[in-house]
C-alpha atoms as a PDB file:
ATOM      1  CA  MET A   1      -9.820  -3.743  12.945  1.00  0.00           C
ATOM      2  CA  LYS A   2     -10.785  -5.725   9.858  1.00  0.00           C
ATOM      3  CA  CYS A   3      -8.569  -6.855   7.006  1.00  0.00           C
ATOM      4  CA  ILE A   4      -9.670  -6.603   3.407  1.00  0.00           C
ATOM      5  CA  CYS A   5      -9.116  -9.699   1.272  1.00  0.00           C
ATOM      6  CA  TYR A   6      -8.810  -9.411  -2.474  1.00  0.00           C
ATOM      7  CA  THR A   7     -10.293 -11.981  -4.820  1.00  0.00           C
ATOM      8  CA  PHE A   8      -9.455 -12.247  -8.468  1.00  0.00           C
ATOM      9  CA  ALA A   9     -11.607 -13.504 -11.330  1.00  0.00           C
ATOM     10  CA  ILE A  10      -9.808 -15.311 -14.134  1.00  0.00           C
ATOM     11  CA  SER A  11     -11.407 -15.520 -17.540  1.00  0.00           C
ATOM     12  CA  ALA A  12     -11.063 -18.684 -19.605  1.00  0.00           C
ATOM     13  CA  ALA A  13      -9.510 -16.614 -22.402  1.00  0.00           C
ATOM     14  CA  THR A  14      -6.464 -15.889 -20.241  1.00  0.00           C
ATOM     15  CA  VAL A  15      -5.947 -19.447 -19.032  1.00  0.00           C
ATOM     16  CA  SER A  16      -4.199 -21.985 -21.220  1.00  0.00           C
ATOM     17  CA  ASN A  17      -6.114 -24.925 -19.706  1.00  0.00           C
ATOM     18  CA  PRO A  18      -9.665 -23.849 -18.705  1.00  0.00           C
ATOM     19  CA  SER A  19     -10.376 -27.240 -17.127  1.00  0.00           C
ATOM     20  CA  ASN A  20      -8.012 -26.247 -14.306  1.00  0.00           C
ATOM     21  CA  LEU A  21     -10.575 -23.653 -13.250  1.00  0.00           C
ATOM     22  CA  ARG A  22     -13.009 -26.394 -12.237  1.00  0.00           C
ATOM     23  CA  ARG A  23     -10.955 -27.431  -9.210  1.00  0.00           C
ATOM     24  CA  PRO A  24     -12.694 -26.742  -5.888  1.00  0.00           C
ATOM     25  CA  LEU A  25     -11.510 -23.697  -3.998  1.00  0.00           C
ATOM     26  CA  THR A  26      -9.794 -24.294  -0.684  1.00  0.00           C
ATOM     27  CA  SER A  27     -11.092 -22.607   2.431  1.00  0.00           C
ATOM     28  CA  ASN A  28      -7.732 -20.898   2.972  1.00  0.00           C
ATOM     29  CA  PRO A  29      -6.731 -18.816  -0.064  1.00  0.00           C
ATOM     30  CA  PRO A  30      -3.019 -18.057  -0.545  1.00  0.00           C
ATOM     31  CA  SER A  31      -1.718 -15.281   1.702  1.00  0.00           C
ATOM     32  CA  ILE A  32      -0.492 -13.302  -1.295  1.00  0.00           C
ATOM     33  CA  LEU A  33      -4.085 -12.257  -1.935  1.00  0.00           C
ATOM     34  CA  THR A  34      -4.259 -10.164   1.238  1.00  0.00           C
ATOM     35  CA  PRO A  35      -2.432  -6.917   1.873  1.00  0.00           C
ATOM     36  CA  ASN A  36       0.467  -6.903   4.321  1.00  0.00           C
ATOM     37  CA  PHE A  37      -1.197  -4.236   6.419  1.00  0.00           C
ATOM     38  CA  PRO A  38      -4.714  -3.979   7.875  1.00  0.00           C
ATOM     39  CA  LEU A  39      -7.168  -1.539   6.370  1.00  0.00           C
ATOM     40  CA  LYS A  40      -9.851  -0.105   8.622  1.00  0.00           C
ATOM     41  CA  THR A  41     -13.419  -0.005   7.407  1.00  0.00           C
ATOM     42  CA  THR A  42     -15.181   3.250   8.146  1.00  0.00           C
ATOM     43  CA  GLN A  43     -18.241   5.174   7.126  1.00  0.00           C
ATOM     44  CA  ARG A  44     -16.085   8.067   5.814  1.00  0.00           C
ATOM     45  CA  SER A  45     -15.935   8.251   1.992  1.00  0.00           C
ATOM     46  CA  PRO A  46     -16.854   4.616   1.344  1.00  0.00           C
ATOM     47  CA  ILE A  47     -16.378   3.069  -2.066  1.00  0.00           C
ATOM     48  CA  ALA A  48     -18.369  -0.010  -2.981  1.00  0.00           C
ATOM     49  CA  LEU A  49     -16.148  -2.789  -4.267  1.00  0.00           C
ATOM     50  CA  GLY A  50     -16.495  -3.092  -8.016  1.00  0.00           C
ATOM     51  CA  SER A  51     -18.020   0.368  -8.406  1.00  0.00           C
ATOM     52  CA  GLN A  52     -16.278   3.696  -8.073  1.00  0.00           C
ATOM     53  CA  SER A  53     -18.847   5.753  -9.975  1.00  0.00           C
ATOM     54  CA  SER A  54     -21.102   6.503  -7.015  1.00  0.00           C
ATOM     55  CA  SER A  55     -20.478   7.489  -3.430  1.00  0.00           C
ATOM     56  CA  GLU A  56     -23.888   6.051  -2.506  1.00  0.00           C
ATOM     57  CA  PRO A  57     -23.762   2.250  -2.431  1.00  0.00           C
ATOM     58  CA  ARG A  58     -26.870   0.757  -4.005  1.00  0.00           C
ATOM     59  CA  GLY A  59     -28.036  -2.230  -2.011  1.00  0.00           C
ATOM     60  CA  GLN A  60     -24.488  -3.027  -0.902  1.00  0.00           C
ATOM     61  CA  ASP A  61     -23.859  -4.794   2.359  1.00  0.00           C
ATOM     62  CA  PRO A  62     -21.868  -2.468   4.703  1.00  0.00           C
ATOM     63  CA  GLU A  63     -19.225  -5.208   5.028  1.00  0.00           C
ATOM     64  CA  THR A  64     -18.327  -4.744   1.340  1.00  0.00           C
ATOM     65  CA  LEU A  65     -17.339  -1.093   1.827  1.00  0.00           C
ATOM     66  CA  ILE A  66     -13.731  -0.035   2.214  1.00  0.00           C
ATOM     67  CA  GLU A  67     -12.190   3.229   3.244  1.00  0.00           C
ATOM     68  CA  ASP A  68     -10.775   5.348   0.486  1.00  0.00           C
ATOM     69  CA  LEU A  69      -7.237   5.686   1.904  1.00  0.00           C
ATOM     70  CA  ARG A  70      -5.789   9.118   1.194  1.00  0.00           C
ATOM     71  CA  VAL A  71      -3.137  11.308   2.731  1.00  0.00           C
ATOM     72  CA  PRO A  72      -4.444  14.548   4.295  1.00  0.00           C
ATOM     73  CA  ASP A  73      -4.746  17.481   1.882  1.00  0.00           C
ATOM     74  CA  ASP A  74      -2.507  19.705   4.013  1.00  0.00           C
ATOM     75  CA  TRP A  75       0.385  17.288   3.328  1.00  0.00           C
ATOM     76  CA  LEU A  76       0.330  18.560  -0.286  1.00  0.00           C
ATOM     77  CA  LEU A  77       1.796  21.913   0.756  1.00  0.00           C
ATOM     78  CA  PRO A  78       5.528  21.880  -0.131  1.00  0.00           C
ATOM     79  CA  SER A  79       6.706  22.601   3.417  1.00  0.00           C
ATOM     80  CA  LYS A  80       4.443  19.929   4.923  1.00  0.00           C
ATOM     81  CA  ALA A  81       5.377  17.459   2.144  1.00  0.00           C
ATOM     82  CA  LEU A  82       9.038  17.977   3.015  1.00  0.00           C
ATOM     83  CA  GLU A  83       8.315  17.505   6.718  1.00  0.00           C
ATOM     84  CA  GLU A  84       6.330  14.283   6.137  1.00  0.00           C
ATOM     85  CA  SER A  85       8.882  12.824   3.728  1.00  0.00           C
ATOM     86  CA  GLU A  86      11.690  13.543   6.195  1.00  0.00           C
ATOM     87  CA  TRP A  87       9.636  11.890   8.926  1.00  0.00           C
ATOM     88  CA  LEU A  88       9.234   8.842   6.642  1.00  0.00           C
ATOM     89  CA  ARG A  89      12.980   8.712   5.887  1.00  0.00           C
ATOM     90  CA  VAL A  90      13.945   8.698   9.564  1.00  0.00           C
ATOM     91  CA  THR A  91      11.126   6.389  10.714  1.00  0.00           C
ATOM     92  CA  LEU A  92      11.552   3.862   7.894  1.00  0.00           C
ATOM     93  CA  HIS A  93      15.322   3.713   8.417  1.00  0.00           C
ATOM     94  CA  LYS A  94      14.819   3.023  12.128  1.00  0.00           C
ATOM     95  CA  TRP A  95      12.094   0.461  11.426  1.00  0.00           C
ATOM     96  CA  LEU A  96      14.277  -1.415   8.900  1.00  0.00           C
ATOM     97  CA  ASP A  97      17.238  -1.441  11.312  1.00  0.00           C
ATOM     98  CA  ASP A  98      15.035  -2.687  14.166  1.00  0.00           C
ATOM     99  CA  GLU A  99      13.017  -5.206  12.144  1.00  0.00           C
ATOM    100  CA  TYR A 100      15.956  -6.824  10.341  1.00  0.00           C
ATOM    101  CA  CYS A 101      19.447  -5.567  11.108  1.00  0.00           C
ATOM    102  CA  PRO A 102      21.379  -2.353  10.471  1.00  0.00           C
ATOM    103  CA  GLU A 103      22.817  -2.329   6.942  1.00  0.00           C
ATOM    104  CA  GLU A 104      23.793   0.233   4.305  1.00  0.00           C
ATOM    105  CA  THR A 105      20.850  -0.723   2.102  1.00  0.00           C
ATOM    106  CA  ASN A 106      18.488   0.592   4.784  1.00  0.00           C
ATOM    107  CA  VAL A 107      19.864   4.108   4.262  1.00  0.00           C
ATOM    108  CA  GLU A 108      19.318   3.875   0.514  1.00  0.00           C
ATOM    109  CA  ILE A 109      15.838   2.364   0.894  1.00  0.00           C
ATOM    110  CA  SER A 110      14.700   5.094   3.278  1.00  0.00           C
ATOM    111  CA  ASN A 111      16.152   7.838   1.047  1.00  0.00           C
ATOM    112  CA  VAL A 112      14.468   6.525  -2.114  1.00  0.00           C
ATOM    113  CA  ALA A 113      11.142   5.934  -0.320  1.00  0.00           C
ATOM    114  CA  ALA A 114      11.176   9.434   1.192  1.00  0.00           C
ATOM    115  CA  ARG A 115      12.059  11.039  -2.150  1.00  0.00           C
ATOM    116  CA  SER A 116       9.268   9.091  -3.886  1.00  0.00           C
ATOM    117  CA  PHE A 117       6.768  10.073  -1.195  1.00  0.00           C
ATOM    118  CA  TYR A 118       7.807  13.731  -1.435  1.00  0.00           C
ATOM    119  CA  GLN A 119       7.414  13.720  -5.231  1.00  0.00           C
ATOM    120  CA  SER A 120       4.004  12.056  -4.951  1.00  0.00           C
ATOM    121  CA  LEU A 121       2.837  14.737  -2.534  1.00  0.00           C
ATOM    122  CA  LEU A 122       4.165  17.552  -4.743  1.00  0.00           C
ATOM    123  CA  GLU A 123       2.301  15.963  -7.675  1.00  0.00           C
ATOM    124  CA  GLU A 124      -0.816  16.108  -5.468  1.00  0.00           C
ATOM    125  CA  GLN A 125      -1.124  12.321  -5.415  1.00  0.00           C
ATOM    126  CA  THR A 126      -3.194  11.557  -2.324  1.00  0.00           C
ATOM    127  CA  ASP A 127      -4.273   7.967  -3.003  1.00  0.00           C
ATOM    128  CA  VAL A 128      -2.196   5.672  -0.771  1.00  0.00           C
ATOM    129  CA  GLY A 129      -2.420   2.803  -3.277  1.00  0.00           C
ATOM    130  CA  GLU A 130      -0.956   4.941  -6.062  1.00  0.00           C
ATOM    131  CA  ILE A 131       1.771   6.176  -3.716  1.00  0.00           C
ATOM    132  CA  LEU A 132       2.597   2.546  -2.857  1.00  0.00           C
ATOM    133  CA  LEU A 133       2.883   1.481  -6.505  1.00  0.00           C
ATOM    134  CA  LYS A 134       5.031   4.468  -7.464  1.00  0.00           C
ATOM    135  CA  MET A 135       7.291   3.916  -4.469  1.00  0.00           C
ATOM    136  CA  ALA A 136       7.688   0.194  -5.235  1.00  0.00           C
ATOM    137  CA  ARG A 137       8.671   0.985  -8.843  1.00  0.00           C
ATOM    138  CA  GLU A 138      11.268   3.492  -7.691  1.00  0.00           C
ATOM    139  CA  LEU A 139      12.610   1.137  -5.014  1.00  0.00           C
ATOM    140  CA  GLU A 140      13.294  -1.429  -7.746  1.00  0.00           C
ATOM    141  CA  SER A 141      16.305   0.715  -8.709  1.00  0.00           C
ATOM    142  CA  ILE A 142      18.125  -0.439  -5.559  1.00  0.00           C
ATOM    143  CA  SER A 143      20.273  -3.566  -5.454  1.00  0.00           C
ATOM    144  CA  TYR A 144      18.966  -5.906  -2.769  1.00  0.00           C
ATOM    145  CA  GLN A 145      21.637  -8.537  -3.422  1.00  0.00           C
ATOM    146  CA  GLU A 146      23.108  -8.307   0.085  1.00  0.00           C
ATOM    147  CA  SER A 147      19.959  -7.292   1.872  1.00  0.00           C
ATOM    148  CA  PHE A 148      17.027  -8.832   3.710  1.00  0.00           C
ATOM    149  CA  HIS A 149      14.626  -6.570   1.821  1.00  0.00           C
ATOM    150  CA  GLY A 150      13.015  -6.207  -1.567  1.00  0.00           C
ATOM    151  CA  ALA A 151      11.320  -3.340  -3.378  1.00  0.00           C
ATOM    152  CA  PHE A 152       7.771  -4.361  -2.531  1.00  0.00           C
ATOM    153  CA  SER A 153       8.404  -5.334   1.084  1.00  0.00           C
ATOM    154  CA  SER A 154      10.155  -1.986   1.583  1.00  0.00           C
ATOM    155  CA  ALA A 155       7.321  -0.044  -0.063  1.00  0.00           C
ATOM    156  CA  ASN A 156       4.757  -1.956   2.022  1.00  0.00           C
ATOM    157  CA  ALA A 157       6.659  -1.103   5.200  1.00  0.00           C
ATOM    158  CA  ALA A 158       6.848   2.574   4.225  1.00  0.00           C
ATOM    159  CA  VAL A 159       3.148   2.798   3.398  1.00  0.00           C
ATOM    160  CA  ASN A 160       2.239   0.975   6.590  1.00  0.00           C
ATOM    161  CA  LEU A 161       4.152   3.648   8.533  1.00  0.00           C
ATOM    162  CA  ILE A 162       2.380   6.394   6.548  1.00  0.00           C
ATOM    163  CA  ILE A 163      -1.020   4.844   7.357  1.00  0.00           C
ATOM    164  CA  GLN A 164      -0.133   4.646  11.042  1.00  0.00           C
ATOM    165  CA  ARG A 165       0.809   8.319  10.937  1.00  0.00           C
ATOM    166  CA  ILE A 166      -2.492   9.232   9.258  1.00  0.00           C
ATOM    167  CA  GLU A 167      -4.413   7.265  11.918  1.00  0.00           C
ATOM    168  CA  GLN A 168      -2.683   9.280  14.663  1.00  0.00           C
ATOM    169  CA  LEU A 169      -4.195  12.519  13.343  1.00  0.00           C
END
């Protein structure tokens, strides 16, 4: 299984001191530039990095292709969406309790994540990245003051569980 690393280009117009851009890059970029979960590369529905206009990569190295992560279309049916969101609520709650410790916030996190996932499916949102961003925004409504979690770590955990479920199909 390969991990995808993201790199970011910074234009001089957005940097207050462009001379800082001339520093040599280290061989180990910060870990915040890589996703918290591995993404498999496959030959199914590849998208060339930097180009989403064509399904046929033009002269692209196969290593630069990533899988277009989407939930299965049958999950968009209301009954299946309800089933999958309930699965996420139960599984995420258990994962949070096991990974950290049992706390009341885990119940709220799993409820909000499941509700967000259900709404995304009913809105026919199949892109896992879009589901992640929507879920993280909605999880920001929770108070994490007395918790080991945060909105983005919770959303990442939920989406990681969703991806594992998709891979089991």
